[in-house]
Amino acid sequence: MRLRTALCSAVSAVSALALLSACSSGSTTSASSGDKPLVGVDYPRSDTDFWNSYIKYTPQYAKELGLDLKTTNSQNDVAKLTANAQTFISQGVKGIAMAPQDTAAIAPTLAQLEAKKIPVVTVDTRPDSGKVFMVVRADNRAYGEKACQYLGTKLGGKGKVVMLEGGLDSINGRDRTEAFNDCMKKSYPGIKVLGEATNWDGATAAQKLQTDLTANPDIKGVYMESSFALSGTLQVLKQKGLLVDPKDKKHVFIVSNDGIPEELKSIAEGKIDATVSQPADLYAKYALYYLKAAIDGKTFKPGKTDHDSTIIQVRDGVLEDQLSAPLVTADGATYGGVPSVKSDDKSLWGNNLG
């Protein structure tokens, strides 16, 4: 090694070019010197089954797509996400995938990454401002509309339902909440919606549901905007003697969002009635797919894709690939014009976790 170093120092400029590969063969591989581009993925949290599934899928698809991977976890904290982005920059990544839960506060970080020409793909959420290469997301307004149509049909257009909202600092929470309310007002004006802010916190959701059921024992439906509320909701209903078979007149109809295995199992057991399967596997796959495409200099336009989704233009400089997210029920029937798939359908990612 000393001899090679001395030779490299002594040669002329022409000779140095000739010997460049020999001089560098003993160095650490950088993001740009290997065959595989280095990308960074920040996981937003690891305290839910949905995001843990996403975390499981990410390295699998990185390997499949020929990408080297660095990962961080921002634990639902935008300050940590900002710090993690700085770490990725220092590591020389060629692109970053992230899922900012505070979709307004991430703007300065996006501006910095744009200035450094590091493409960003956001997963599950869309930033309120700033440019990204692609947003990989499902149509979250459709989540609220599908939940509304299911509950509206089951309740015959009358009664009371509780909506356990996510965080309204997130576009997902806003989209699901607004769409559910709009659909109920338009299609089922006889149903009263009790909206409860939970900030995606299961304990808060359970406490507010218990309070609502005590004050309104005639509640017949619950819309959980994510599976974060599943365990607490089932526990509250059990305590109230309401966790009964769907054919029992005391049954409270429940719709969730995510499509995790526990939801699918609960539908089969009659504990909950429906969910919207948010594609954890495809979020991981297409986040990395679009990062690789950005690194390779590819561009995209609005329109249908080859993977059963539609790319829309949200605003100037922001495209969103809206992946398929089906309504899942026990019988696979159509509710309020919305088709569903059976909870045991093998096409659902929640039925394919080994």
Foldseek 3Di string as FASTA:
>chain_A
DVVLVVVCVPDDPVVNVVCVCVNCVPDDDAQPRDPAHEEEEEQAACPDLQSVLLVVQQVVLCVVVRHHYDYHYQHLPVVSVLVVLVVCVVRPHQEYEYAHQQQAVCAVSLVVCVVVVHAYEYEQFHHPDHFHQEYEHAQLLVQLLVQLLFVCQLVVLAEEEEEAFAAPSTVSSVSNVVSNVVNCVPPRVRYHYHYDYDNLAQVSSLVVVLVCCVVPVGAAEYEYAACNNVVSVLVSCVVVVAQDAPVDPSHREYEYEALALVVLVCQQVRRYFKYWHIASNVSSNVSVVSSVCVSVVHHDDFADDPQGWTWDAPDPNYIYTHDHIFMEGCPQDAGNNGTHHYSCDPVRVNNVDD
